[in-house]
C-alpha atoms as a PDB file:
ATOM      1  CA  MET A   1       0.065  -0.244   0.228  1.00  0.00           C
ATOM      2  CA  THR A   2       1.580   3.203  -1.156  1.00  0.00           C
ATOM      3  CA  PRO A   3      -0.675   6.684   0.193  1.00  0.00           C
ATOM      4  CA  SER A   4      -1.002   9.083  -1.916  1.00  0.00           C
ATOM      5  CA  ARG A   5       0.295  12.633  -1.729  1.00  0.00           C
ATOM      6  CA  GLU A   6      -3.413  14.033  -1.122  1.00  0.00           C
ATOM      7  CA  ARG A   7      -3.390  11.159   2.080  1.00  0.00           C
ATOM      8  CA  LEU A   8      -0.039  11.922   3.485  1.00  0.00           C
ATOM      9  CA  ALA A   9      -0.859  15.893   2.986  1.00  0.00           C
ATOM     10  CA  ALA A  10      -3.929  15.448   5.178  1.00  0.00           C
ATOM     11  CA  CYS A  11      -2.476  13.412   7.434  1.00  0.00           C
ATOM     12  CA  ARG A  12      -1.581  15.533  11.056  1.00  0.00           C
ATOM     13  CA  VAL A  13       1.387  14.439  13.535  1.00  0.00           C
ATOM     14  CA  LEU A  14       2.001  15.847  16.629  1.00  0.00           C
ATOM     15  CA  VAL A  15       5.601  15.801  17.632  1.00  0.00           C
ATOM     16  CA  VAL A  16       6.301  16.502  21.400  1.00  0.00           C
ATOM     17  CA  GLY A  17      10.242  16.072  23.384  1.00  0.00           C
ATOM     18  CA  ASP A  18      13.785  17.448  23.489  1.00  0.00           C
ATOM     19  CA  ALA A  19      14.192  19.204  20.257  1.00  0.00           C
ATOM     20  CA  MET A  20      18.113  20.511  19.619  1.00  0.00           C
ATOM     21  CA  LEU A  21      20.366  22.253  17.051  1.00  0.00           C
ATOM     22  CA  ASP A  22      22.735  19.842  15.510  1.00  0.00           C
ATOM     23  CA  ARG A  23      25.689  22.314  14.504  1.00  0.00           C
ATOM     24  CA  TYR A  24      28.195  21.161  11.440  1.00  0.00           C
ATOM     25  CA  TRP A  25      31.336  22.676  11.839  1.00  0.00           C
ATOM     26  CA  PHE A  26      33.161  21.100   8.288  1.00  0.00           C
ATOM     27  CA  GLY A  27      37.353  21.992   7.781  1.00  0.00           C
ATOM     28  CA  SER A  28      39.993  20.640   6.119  1.00  0.00           C
ATOM     29  CA  VAL A  29      43.321  18.869   8.560  1.00  0.00           C
ATOM     30  CA  ASP A  30      46.295  19.452   7.217  1.00  0.00           C
ATOM     31  CA  ARG A  31      48.744  19.065  10.136  1.00  0.00           C
ATOM     32  CA  ILE A  32      48.603  18.202  13.942  1.00  0.00           C
ATOM     33  CA  SER A  33      48.644  21.074  16.267  1.00  0.00           C
ATOM     34  CA  PRO A  34      52.066  21.983  18.399  1.00  0.00           C
ATOM     35  CA  GLU A  35      50.159  22.434  21.514  1.00  0.00           C
ATOM     36  CA  ALA A  36      48.862  18.404  22.051  1.00  0.00           C
ATOM     37  CA  PRO A  37      48.749  15.778  19.222  1.00  0.00           C
ATOM     38  CA  VAL A  38      45.556  16.488  18.029  1.00  0.00           C
ATOM     39  CA  PRO A  39      44.597  17.318  14.528  1.00  0.00           C
ATOM     40  CA  VAL A  40      43.917  21.154  13.613  1.00  0.00           C
ATOM     41  CA  VAL A  41      40.717  21.775  11.735  1.00  0.00           C
ATOM     42  CA  SER A  42      40.497  25.059   9.399  1.00  0.00           C
ATOM     43  CA  VAL A  43      36.955  25.596   9.104  1.00  0.00           C
ATOM     44  CA  ARG A  44      35.559  26.381   5.626  1.00  0.00           C
ATOM     45  CA  ARG A  45      31.748  25.960   6.488  1.00  0.00           C
ATOM     46  CA  GLU A  46      29.567  26.151   9.239  1.00  0.00           C
ATOM     47  CA  GLU A  47      25.734  24.193   9.184  1.00  0.00           C
ATOM     48  CA  ASP A  48      23.289  24.507  11.598  1.00  0.00           C
ATOM     49  CA  ARG A  49      20.556  21.607  11.131  1.00  0.00           C
ATOM     50  CA  LEU A  50      16.749  20.633  12.975  1.00  0.00           C
ATOM     51  CA  GLY A  51      18.136  17.891  15.913  1.00  0.00           C
ATOM     52  CA  GLY A  52      16.029  15.804  18.496  1.00  0.00           C
ATOM     53  CA  ALA A  53      12.241  16.047  17.961  1.00  0.00           C
ATOM     54  CA  ALA A  54      13.021  18.890  15.689  1.00  0.00           C
ATOM     55  CA  ASN A  55      14.383  16.894  13.083  1.00  0.00           C
ATOM     56  CA  VAL A  56      11.537  14.159  13.716  1.00  0.00           C
ATOM     57  CA  ALA A  57       9.354  17.249  12.917  1.00  0.00           C
ATOM     58  CA  LEU A  58      11.404  17.565  10.008  1.00  0.00           C
ATOM     59  CA  ASN A  59      11.165  14.195   8.718  1.00  0.00           C
ATOM     60  CA  VAL A  60       7.488  13.690   9.232  1.00  0.00           C
ATOM     61  CA  SER A  61       7.280  16.854   7.123  1.00  0.00           C
ATOM     62  CA  ARG A  62      10.124  16.228   4.452  1.00  0.00           C
ATOM     63  CA  LEU A  63       7.571  13.149   3.805  1.00  0.00           C
ATOM     64  CA  GLY A  64       4.493  15.333   2.654  1.00  0.00           C
ATOM     65  CA  ALA A  65       3.148  15.425   5.859  1.00  0.00           C
ATOM     66  CA  ALA A  66       1.583  18.321   8.619  1.00  0.00           C
ATOM     67  CA  SER A  67       3.941  18.161  11.785  1.00  0.00           C
ATOM     68  CA  THR A  68       3.745  20.207  14.609  1.00  0.00           C
ATOM     69  CA  LEU A  69       6.449  20.170  17.423  1.00  0.00           C
ATOM     70  CA  LEU A  70       5.453  20.776  21.269  1.00  0.00           C
ATOM     71  CA  THR A  71       9.259  21.512  23.140  1.00  0.00           C
ATOM     72  CA  VAL A  72      10.546  23.808  25.966  1.00  0.00           C
ATOM     73  CA  VAL A  73      13.829  25.957  25.322  1.00  0.00           C
ATOM     74  CA  GLY A  74      15.702  28.127  26.241  1.00  0.00           C
ATOM     75  CA  ASP A  75      15.614  31.879  25.962  1.00  0.00           C
ATOM     76  CA  ASP A  76      18.774  32.373  24.109  1.00  0.00           C
ATOM     77  CA  ALA A  77      20.614  32.697  20.502  1.00  0.00           C
ATOM     78  CA  PRO A  78      20.541  29.338  19.810  1.00  0.00           C
ATOM     79  CA  ALA A  79      16.459  28.704  20.379  1.00  0.00           C
ATOM     80  CA  ALA A  80      16.338  31.813  18.299  1.00  0.00           C
ATOM     81  CA  THR A  81      18.189  29.825  15.429  1.00  0.00           C
ATOM     82  CA  LEU A  82      15.943  26.840  15.877  1.00  0.00           C
ATOM     83  CA  GLN A  83      12.664  28.852  15.716  1.00  0.00           C
ATOM     84  CA  SER A  84      14.100  30.474  12.481  1.00  0.00           C
ATOM     85  CA  LEU A  85      14.809  26.640  11.133  1.00  0.00           C
ATOM     86  CA  LEU A  86      11.152  25.268  11.995  1.00  0.00           C
ATOM     87  CA  GLU A  87       9.635  28.535  10.262  1.00  0.00           C
ATOM     88  CA  ARG A  88      11.772  27.662   7.364  1.00  0.00           C
ATOM     89  CA  GLU A  89      10.436  24.220   6.773  1.00  0.00           C
ATOM     90  CA  GLY A  90       6.896  25.009   7.940  1.00  0.00           C
ATOM     91  CA  ILE A  91       6.682  22.819  10.792  1.00  0.00           C
ATOM     92  CA  SER A  92       4.633  24.654  13.082  1.00  0.00           C
ATOM     93  CA  ALA A  93       5.757  24.696  16.507  1.00  0.00           C
ATOM     94  CA  LEU A  94       4.494  25.606  19.690  1.00  0.00           C
ATOM     95  CA  LEU A  95       8.515  26.368  21.802  1.00  0.00           C
ATOM     96  CA  GLY A  96       8.214  26.597  25.547  1.00  0.00           C
ATOM     97  CA  ARG A  97      10.631  29.748  26.648  1.00  0.00           C
ATOM     98  CA  ASP A  98      12.595  28.827  29.573  1.00  0.00           C
ATOM     99  CA  ALA A  99      15.119  31.183  31.175  1.00  0.00           C
ATOM    100  CA  GLN A 100      16.622  28.573  33.373  1.00  0.00           C
ATOM    101  CA  LEU A 101      17.160  26.222  30.342  1.00  0.00           C
ATOM    102  CA  THR A 102      20.368  26.271  28.190  1.00  0.00           C
ATOM    103  CA  THR A 103      18.941  25.346  24.354  1.00  0.00           C
ATOM    104  CA  ILE A 104      21.136  22.034  23.867  1.00  0.00           C
ATOM    105  CA  VAL A 105      23.381  21.949  20.879  1.00  0.00           C
ATOM    106  CA  LYS A 106      25.167  19.007  19.727  1.00  0.00           C
ATOM    107  CA  LEU A 107      28.288  20.292  17.883  1.00  0.00           C
ATOM    108  CA  ARG A 108      29.941  18.611  15.552  1.00  0.00           C
ATOM    109  CA  VAL A 109      33.611  19.008  14.072  1.00  0.00           C
ATOM    110  CA  ILE A 110      34.301  17.404  10.430  1.00  0.00           C
ATOM    111  CA  GLY A 111      37.576  17.182   9.318  1.00  0.00           C
ATOM    112  CA  GLN A 112      37.977  15.341   5.469  1.00  0.00           C
ATOM    113  CA  SER A 113      34.202  14.386   6.028  1.00  0.00           C
ATOM    114  CA  GLN A 114      34.780  12.338   9.520  1.00  0.00           C
ATOM    115  CA  GLN A 115      33.476  13.716  12.492  1.00  0.00           C
ATOM    116  CA  LEU A 116      36.693  14.426  14.631  1.00  0.00           C
ATOM    117  CA  LEU A 117      34.390  15.667  17.437  1.00  0.00           C
ATOM    118  CA  ARG A 118      31.551  16.540  19.258  1.00  0.00           C
ATOM    119  CA  VAL A 119      30.758  19.242  21.964  1.00  0.00           C
ATOM    120  CA  ASP A 120      27.455  19.406  23.629  1.00  0.00           C
ATOM    121  CA  PHE A 121      26.050  22.184  25.318  1.00  0.00           C
ATOM    122  CA  GLU A 122      23.446  21.838  27.847  1.00  0.00           C
ATOM    123  CA  SER A 123      21.729  21.831  30.971  1.00  0.00           C
ATOM    124  CA  THR A 124      19.805  19.237  32.729  1.00  0.00           C
ATOM    125  CA  PRO A 125      16.627  20.803  34.211  1.00  0.00           C
ATOM    126  CA  ASP A 126      15.611  20.902  37.869  1.00  0.00           C
ATOM    127  CA  HIS A 127      12.433  21.470  37.597  1.00  0.00           C
ATOM    128  CA  GLU A 128       9.582  19.925  35.058  1.00  0.00           C
ATOM    129  CA  VAL A 129       9.627  21.968  31.824  1.00  0.00           C
ATOM    130  CA  LEU A 130       6.874  20.601  29.944  1.00  0.00           C
ATOM    131  CA  ALA A 131       4.397  20.671  32.599  1.00  0.00           C
ATOM    132  CA  ARG A 132       2.920  24.732  31.969  1.00  0.00           C
ATOM    133  CA  MET A 133       2.388  23.172  28.196  1.00  0.00           C
ATOM    134  CA  LEU A 134      -0.460  21.101  29.599  1.00  0.00           C
ATOM    135  CA  SER A 135      -3.113  23.346  27.966  1.00  0.00           C
ATOM    136  CA  ASP A 136      -1.127  23.534  24.519  1.00  0.00           C
ATOM    137  CA  PHE A 137      -1.020  20.185  24.114  1.00  0.00           C
ATOM    138  CA  GLU A 138      -4.113  19.311  24.543  1.00  0.00           C
ATOM    139  CA  VAL A 139      -5.342  21.881  22.473  1.00  0.00           C
ATOM    140  CA  ALA A 140      -2.711  20.382  19.288  1.00  0.00           C
ATOM    141  CA  LEU A 141      -3.963  17.026  20.631  1.00  0.00           C
ATOM    142  CA  ALA A 142      -7.607  17.665  19.195  1.00  0.00           C
ATOM    143  CA  GLY A 143      -5.980  18.841  15.987  1.00  0.00           C
ATOM    144  CA  CYS A 144      -3.688  15.835  14.728  1.00  0.00           C
ATOM    145  CA  ASP A 145      -4.096  12.285  13.606  1.00  0.00           C
ATOM    146  CA  VAL A 146      -1.000  10.715  15.754  1.00  0.00           C
ATOM    147  CA  VAL A 147       1.437  11.098  18.871  1.00  0.00           C
ATOM    148  CA  LEU A 148       4.951  11.025  18.424  1.00  0.00           C
ATOM    149  CA  PHE A 149       7.102  11.068  22.320  1.00  0.00           C
ATOM    150  CA  SER A 150      10.663  11.841  21.267  1.00  0.00           C
ATOM    151  CA  ASP A 151      12.674  10.754  24.306  1.00  0.00           C
ATOM    152  CA  TYR A 152      16.485  12.103  24.196  1.00  0.00           C
ATOM    153  CA  GLY A 153      16.467  11.622  28.094  1.00  0.00           C
ATOM    154  CA  LYS A 154      16.909  15.257  28.244  1.00  0.00           C
ATOM    155  CA  GLY A 155      14.603  15.809  30.910  1.00  0.00           C
ATOM    156  CA  GLY A 156      12.083  17.322  29.009  1.00  0.00           C
ATOM    157  CA  LEU A 157       9.572  14.305  29.065  1.00  0.00           C
ATOM    158  CA  THR A 158       9.123  13.648  32.686  1.00  0.00           C
ATOM    159  CA  HIS A 159       5.574  14.800  32.302  1.00  0.00           C
ATOM    160  CA  ILE A 160       4.415  11.882  29.721  1.00  0.00           C
ATOM    161  CA  PRO A 161       2.553   9.410  31.336  1.00  0.00           C
ATOM    162  CA  ARG A 162      -0.274  12.457  31.341  1.00  0.00           C
ATOM    163  CA  MET A 163       0.183  13.341  28.034  1.00  0.00           C
ATOM    164  CA  ILE A 164      -0.189   9.840  26.709  1.00  0.00           C
ATOM    165  CA  GLY A 165      -3.006   8.875  28.995  1.00  0.00           C
ATOM    166  CA  LEU A 166      -4.552  12.853  27.238  1.00  0.00           C
ATOM    167  CA  ALA A 167      -3.793  11.626  23.474  1.00  0.00           C
ATOM    168  CA  ARG A 168      -5.335   7.479  24.391  1.00  0.00           C
ATOM    169  CA  GLN A 169      -8.372   8.812  25.956  1.00  0.00           C
ATOM    170  CA  ALA A 170      -8.905  10.995  22.688  1.00  0.00           C
ATOM    171  CA  GLY A 171      -8.106   7.926  20.487  1.00  0.00           C
ATOM    172  CA  LYS A 172      -5.313   8.820  18.672  1.00  0.00           C
ATOM    173  CA  PRO A 173      -2.379   6.565  18.002  1.00  0.00           C
ATOM    174  CA  VAL A 174       1.011   7.346  20.370  1.00  0.00           C
ATOM    175  CA  LEU A 175       4.571   5.949  19.720  1.00  0.00           C
ATOM    176  CA  VAL A 176       7.876   6.650  21.552  1.00  0.00           C
ATOM    177  CA  ASP A 177      11.180   6.568  20.537  1.00  0.00           C
ATOM    178  CA  PRO A 178      12.081   5.725  24.288  1.00  0.00           C
ATOM    179  CA  LYS A 179      14.996   6.672  26.571  1.00  0.00           C
ATOM    180  CA  GLY A 180      16.550   5.165  29.812  1.00  0.00           C
ATOM    181  CA  SER A 181      16.007   2.114  32.204  1.00  0.00           C
ATOM    182  CA  ASP A 182      12.594   2.495  33.265  1.00  0.00           C
ATOM    183  CA  TYR A 183       9.215   1.987  30.474  1.00  0.00           C
ATOM    184  CA  SER A 184       6.915   2.217  32.975  1.00  0.00           C
ATOM    185  CA  ARG A 185       6.193   5.834  31.853  1.00  0.00           C
ATOM    186  CA  TYR A 186       5.088   4.947  29.064  1.00  0.00           C
ATOM    187  CA  ALA A 187       2.704   2.408  29.958  1.00  0.00           C
ATOM    188  CA  GLY A 188      -0.504   2.235  27.875  1.00  0.00           C
ATOM    189  CA  ALA A 189       0.952   3.781  24.409  1.00  0.00           C
ATOM    190  CA  THR A 190       0.377   2.256  21.044  1.00  0.00           C
ATOM    191  CA  VAL A 191       4.008   1.383  20.044  1.00  0.00           C
ATOM    192  CA  ILE A 192       7.741   2.022  21.465  1.00  0.00           C
ATOM    193  CA  THR A 193      10.536   1.905  19.175  1.00  0.00           C
ATOM    194  CA  PRO A 194      13.345   1.256  21.287  1.00  0.00           C
ATOM    195  CA  ASN A 195      16.967   0.081  19.285  1.00  0.00           C
ATOM    196  CA  ARG A 196      19.144  -3.223  20.563  1.00  0.00           C
ATOM    197  CA  ALA A 197      21.298  -1.577  23.107  1.00  0.00           C
ATOM    198  CA  GLU A 198      18.345   0.235  24.493  1.00  0.00           C
ATOM    199  CA  LEU A 199      16.083  -2.614  24.912  1.00  0.00           C
ATOM    200  CA  ILE A 200      19.005  -4.588  26.733  1.00  0.00           C
ATOM    201  CA  GLN A 201      19.050  -2.159  29.277  1.00  0.00           C
ATOM    202  CA  VAL A 202      15.195  -2.540  30.089  1.00  0.00           C
ATOM    203  CA  ILE A 203      15.005  -6.387  29.628  1.00  0.00           C
ATOM    204  CA  GLY A 204      18.535  -7.581  29.769  1.00  0.00           C
ATOM    205  CA  ARG A 205      20.965  -9.546  27.063  1.00  0.00           C
ATOM    206  CA  TRP A 206      18.459 -12.222  25.573  1.00  0.00           C
ATOM    207  CA  ARG A 207      20.162 -16.334  24.680  1.00  0.00           C
ATOM    208  CA  ASP A 208      18.825 -16.461  21.352  1.00  0.00           C
ATOM    209  CA  GLU A 209      15.215 -15.279  19.153  1.00  0.00           C
ATOM    210  CA  ALA A 210      12.682 -16.968  21.785  1.00  0.00           C
ATOM    211  CA  ASP A 211      14.112 -15.746  24.636  1.00  0.00           C
ATOM    212  CA  LEU A 212      13.986 -12.384  23.109  1.00  0.00           C
ATOM    213  CA  ILE A 213      10.630 -13.191  22.195  1.00  0.00           C
ATOM    214  CA  GLU A 214       9.451 -14.044  25.414  1.00  0.00           C
ATOM    215  CA  ARG A 215      11.219 -10.892  27.183  1.00  0.00           C
ATOM    216  CA  ALA A 216       9.595  -8.953  24.565  1.00  0.00           C
ATOM    217  CA  THR A 217       6.116 -10.104  24.671  1.00  0.00           C
ATOM    218  CA  ARG A 218       5.669  -9.912  28.909  1.00  0.00           C
ATOM    219  CA  LEU A 219       7.339  -6.509  28.388  1.00  0.00           C
ATOM    220  CA  ARG A 220       4.461  -5.387  26.100  1.00  0.00           C
ATOM    221  CA  GLU A 221       1.672  -6.915  27.990  1.00  0.00           C
ATOM    222  CA  GLU A 222       3.167  -5.612  31.849  1.00  0.00           C
ATOM    223  CA  LEU A 223       3.040  -1.840  29.423  1.00  0.00           C
ATOM    224  CA  ARG A 224      -0.389  -2.588  28.138  1.00  0.00           C
ATOM    225  CA  LEU A 225       1.258  -1.711  24.881  1.00  0.00           C
ATOM    226  CA  ASP A 226      -0.347  -2.459  21.512  1.00  0.00           C
ATOM    227  CA  ALA A 227       3.565  -3.248  20.100  1.00  0.00           C
ATOM    228  CA  LEU A 228       6.782  -3.208  20.586  1.00  0.00           C
ATOM    229  CA  LEU A 229       9.355  -2.365  17.104  1.00  0.00           C
ATOM    230  CA  LEU A 230      12.704  -3.628  17.820  1.00  0.00           C
ATOM    231  CA  THR A 231      14.956  -1.391  15.601  1.00  0.00           C
ATOM    232  CA  ARG A 232      18.089  -3.911  15.131  1.00  0.00           C
ATOM    233  CA  SER A 233      21.032  -2.443  13.181  1.00  0.00           C
ATOM    234  CA  GLU A 234      21.874  -4.447  10.340  1.00  0.00           C
ATOM    235  CA  GLU A 235      19.415  -7.015  11.323  1.00  0.00           C
ATOM    236  CA  GLY A 236      16.806  -5.289  10.382  1.00  0.00           C
ATOM    237  CA  MET A 237      13.744  -5.131  12.574  1.00  0.00           C
ATOM    238  CA  SER A 238      11.151  -6.920  14.829  1.00  0.00           C
ATOM    239  CA  LEU A 239       7.317  -6.015  16.051  1.00  0.00           C
ATOM    240  CA  PHE A 240       6.302  -7.336  18.725  1.00  0.00           C
ATOM    241  CA  ASP A 241       2.638  -7.433  18.648  1.00  0.00           C
ATOM    242  CA  GLY A 242       0.757 -10.168  20.506  1.00  0.00           C
ATOM    243  CA  ALA A 243       0.284 -12.227  17.113  1.00  0.00           C
ATOM    244  CA  ALA A 244       1.447 -16.068  17.282  1.00  0.00           C
ATOM    245  CA  GLU A 245       5.052 -15.209  15.184  1.00  0.00           C
ATOM    246  CA  PRO A 246       6.382 -11.690  15.672  1.00  0.00           C
ATOM    247  CA  LEU A 247       6.943  -9.897  12.121  1.00  0.00           C
ATOM    248  CA  ASN A 248      10.896  -9.736  11.713  1.00  0.00           C
ATOM    249  CA  VAL A 249      12.102  -7.566   8.615  1.00  0.00           C
ATOM    250  CA  ALA A 250      15.520  -8.005   6.854  1.00  0.00           C
ATOM    251  CA  ALA A 251      17.426  -4.472   6.748  1.00  0.00           C
ATOM    252  CA  ARG A 252      17.583  -2.510   3.610  1.00  0.00           C
ATOM    253  CA  ALA A 253      20.466  -0.601   4.026  1.00  0.00           C
ATOM    254  CA  ARG A 254      23.061  -0.253   0.793  1.00  0.00           C
ATOM    255  CA  GLU A 255      25.639   1.444   1.912  1.00  0.00           C
ATOM    256  CA  VAL A 256      25.796   2.547   5.961  1.00  0.00           C
ATOM    257  CA  PHE A 257      27.370   6.002   6.074  1.00  0.00           C
ATOM    258  CA  ASP A 258      25.900   7.621   9.119  1.00  0.00           C
ATOM    259  CA  VAL A 259      23.348   6.042  11.680  1.00  0.00           C
ATOM    260  CA  THR A 260      22.994   9.595  13.252  1.00  0.00           C
ATOM    261  CA  GLY A 261      19.262  10.374  13.300  1.00  0.00           C
ATOM    262  CA  ALA A 262      18.514   6.900  11.621  1.00  0.00           C
ATOM    263  CA  GLY A 263      16.124   6.126  14.482  1.00  0.00           C
ATOM    264  CA  ASP A 264      14.313   9.546  14.172  1.00  0.00           C
ATOM    265  CA  THR A 265      13.679   8.424  10.675  1.00  0.00           C
ATOM    266  CA  VAL A 266      11.819   5.589  11.101  1.00  0.00           C
ATOM    267  CA  ILE A 267       9.537   7.023  13.553  1.00  0.00           C
ATOM    268  CA  ALA A 268       8.508   9.532  11.619  1.00  0.00           C
ATOM    269  CA  THR A 269       8.248   7.385   8.842  1.00  0.00           C
ATOM    270  CA  LEU A 270       6.091   5.106  10.690  1.00  0.00           C
ATOM    271  CA  ALA A 271       4.044   7.935  12.393  1.00  0.00           C
ATOM    272  CA  ALA A 272       3.221   9.671   9.087  1.00  0.00           C
ATOM    273  CA  MET A 273       1.892   5.854   7.485  1.00  0.00           C
ATOM    274  CA  LEU A 274      -0.178   4.866  10.575  1.00  0.00           C
ATOM    275  CA  GLY A 275      -1.661   8.941  10.298  1.00  0.00           C
ATOM    276  CA  CYS A 276      -2.607   7.545   6.324  1.00  0.00           C
ATOM    277  CA  GLY A 277      -4.563   4.958   7.893  1.00  0.00           C
ATOM    278  CA  MET A 278      -1.955   2.259   7.495  1.00  0.00           C
ATOM    279  CA  SER A 279      -1.686  -1.468   9.825  1.00  0.00           C
ATOM    280  CA  LEU A 280       1.367  -1.225  11.845  1.00  0.00           C
ATOM    281  CA  ARG A 281       2.034  -4.463  10.038  1.00  0.00           C
ATOM    282  CA  GLU A 282       2.041  -2.186   6.720  1.00  0.00           C
ATOM    283  CA  ALA A 283       4.082   0.502   8.302  1.00  0.00           C
ATOM    284  CA  VAL A 284       7.242  -0.996   9.328  1.00  0.00           C
ATOM    285  CA  PRO A 285       8.528  -2.635   6.279  1.00  0.00           C
ATOM    286  CA  VAL A 286       8.177   1.431   5.277  1.00  0.00           C
ATOM    287  CA  ALA A 287      10.014   2.492   7.905  1.00  0.00           C
ATOM    288  CA  ASN A 288      12.694  -0.114   7.533  1.00  0.00           C
ATOM    289  CA  ARG A 289      12.775   1.142   3.777  1.00  0.00           C
ATOM    290  CA  ALA A 290      13.130   5.102   5.457  1.00  0.00           C
ATOM    291  CA  GLY A 291      15.695   3.832   7.598  1.00  0.00           C
ATOM    292  CA  GLY A 292      17.727   1.880   5.440  1.00  0.00           C
ATOM    293  CA  ILE A 293      17.431   5.005   2.931  1.00  0.00           C
ATOM    294  CA  VAL A 294      18.653   7.824   5.466  1.00  0.00           C
ATOM    295  CA  VAL A 295      22.346   5.340   6.767  1.00  0.00           C
ATOM    296  CA  GLY A 296      23.397   6.134   3.613  1.00  0.00           C
ATOM    297  CA  LYS A 297      23.385  10.581   4.243  1.00  0.00           C
ATOM    298  CA  PHE A 298      26.257  12.108   6.153  1.00  0.00           C
ATOM    299  CA  GLY A 299      24.308  13.446   9.539  1.00  0.00           C
ATOM    300  CA  THR A 300      21.074  14.052  10.477  1.00  0.00           C
ATOM    301  CA  ALA A 301      19.348  13.845   7.051  1.00  0.00           C
ATOM    302  CA  THR A 302      15.768  12.403   6.003  1.00  0.00           C
ATOM    303  CA  VAL A 303      13.705  11.098   3.386  1.00  0.00           C
ATOM    304  CA  SER A 304      11.623  12.675   0.608  1.00  0.00           C
ATOM    305  CA  TYR A 305       7.991  10.761  -1.015  1.00  0.00           C
ATOM    306  CA  GLU A 306      10.071  10.109  -3.832  1.00  0.00           C
ATOM    307  CA  GLU A 307      12.984   8.477  -2.203  1.00  0.00           C
ATOM    308  CA  LEU A 308      10.645   5.930  -0.323  1.00  0.00           C
ATOM    309  CA  PHE A 309       8.092   4.931  -2.939  1.00  0.00           C
ATOM    310  CA  ALA A 310       9.739   5.392  -5.942  1.00  0.00           C
END
C-alpha cells in the first residue's frame, strides 16, 4: 500500500520531546597541533540543522505530512536559530521558553568527511519543563491524527504519562522513541521503538530469539502496549504485537555512511503511515525502508516521498 501525496498531506502528526540544534563545522585537516597531539581543523563552512525531536518533526514534514512540534527551549540564541529553521521548513512550533534552560546544541567538527569531535552544550532541568505546556498539548492534540513522543533523556518528558493518557483518551495512536531503563512511564502507548542497546537496558540480554520473544512479550503486556518495535541495525526490525509470530523485516541499507538520526526517520515514517490509515504491520516495512535510505546520508538527514516510494 502506497499512500497518495494528498492522503499524506492531510495527515497531522504532533511531535513532543527534546528538541536540539545540530551544528556542523566542516573543514580541512593539514597538520597536527604543536600544543597537543590533535589535528588542527581549518573551518571552511558552518551549518545548523534541526536535531532531536525537531529532526523527527522535520522527517514527518519532508515525507509530505503536516507536523507540529511541542517542546521547551532556553531563552537564548540557539533557540532563536531553532525557531527560524522550523519556520523555514513550514513546521508549526509550540516553543515554551525557559530562561533557566540552555537550549541543547550538539556541535560536530568534521574534517575530510570524518567526525573528529562532538561538543555538547546543555543543562539538566531541575523542574518539570513541559508541565505548564499541558494546555498547549491538549489544544494541539485535538487537531492531530497521531502523537509521537521523542525522548532523548534530557528531562523534557518527565510529564509523559499524563500526556499519553490524554492522547489515548482522545483515541489517537501514540508512538514513543524511548530512553533510559524505566519504561513504566510509557505505559499505555500504542508502540515504543527501542533499539537493541536500549532494550537490553530494560529486559537484559537475551540468549536467543525464543528468549527475546518471551521477554519482549512480557514487557509489552506489563506496559499495556499494542506493540513493541525493536530496531536491530544490520538485522532489520522485529515487531512484537501479540500475533503468534513477530514480524521480522530484513535491513534494507545499501551502504551505511552515518547512523545519526536514523531512529528519528524510522519513527517519523511509522507515525506518518499510521496517520494515513496503515496498520502497524503494513507501516513497519515502509519505516524500515526509510531507515535504510537515511543511513546512506551524512549527519541528521531526511527521506523524501520520491525516495521512499520510487
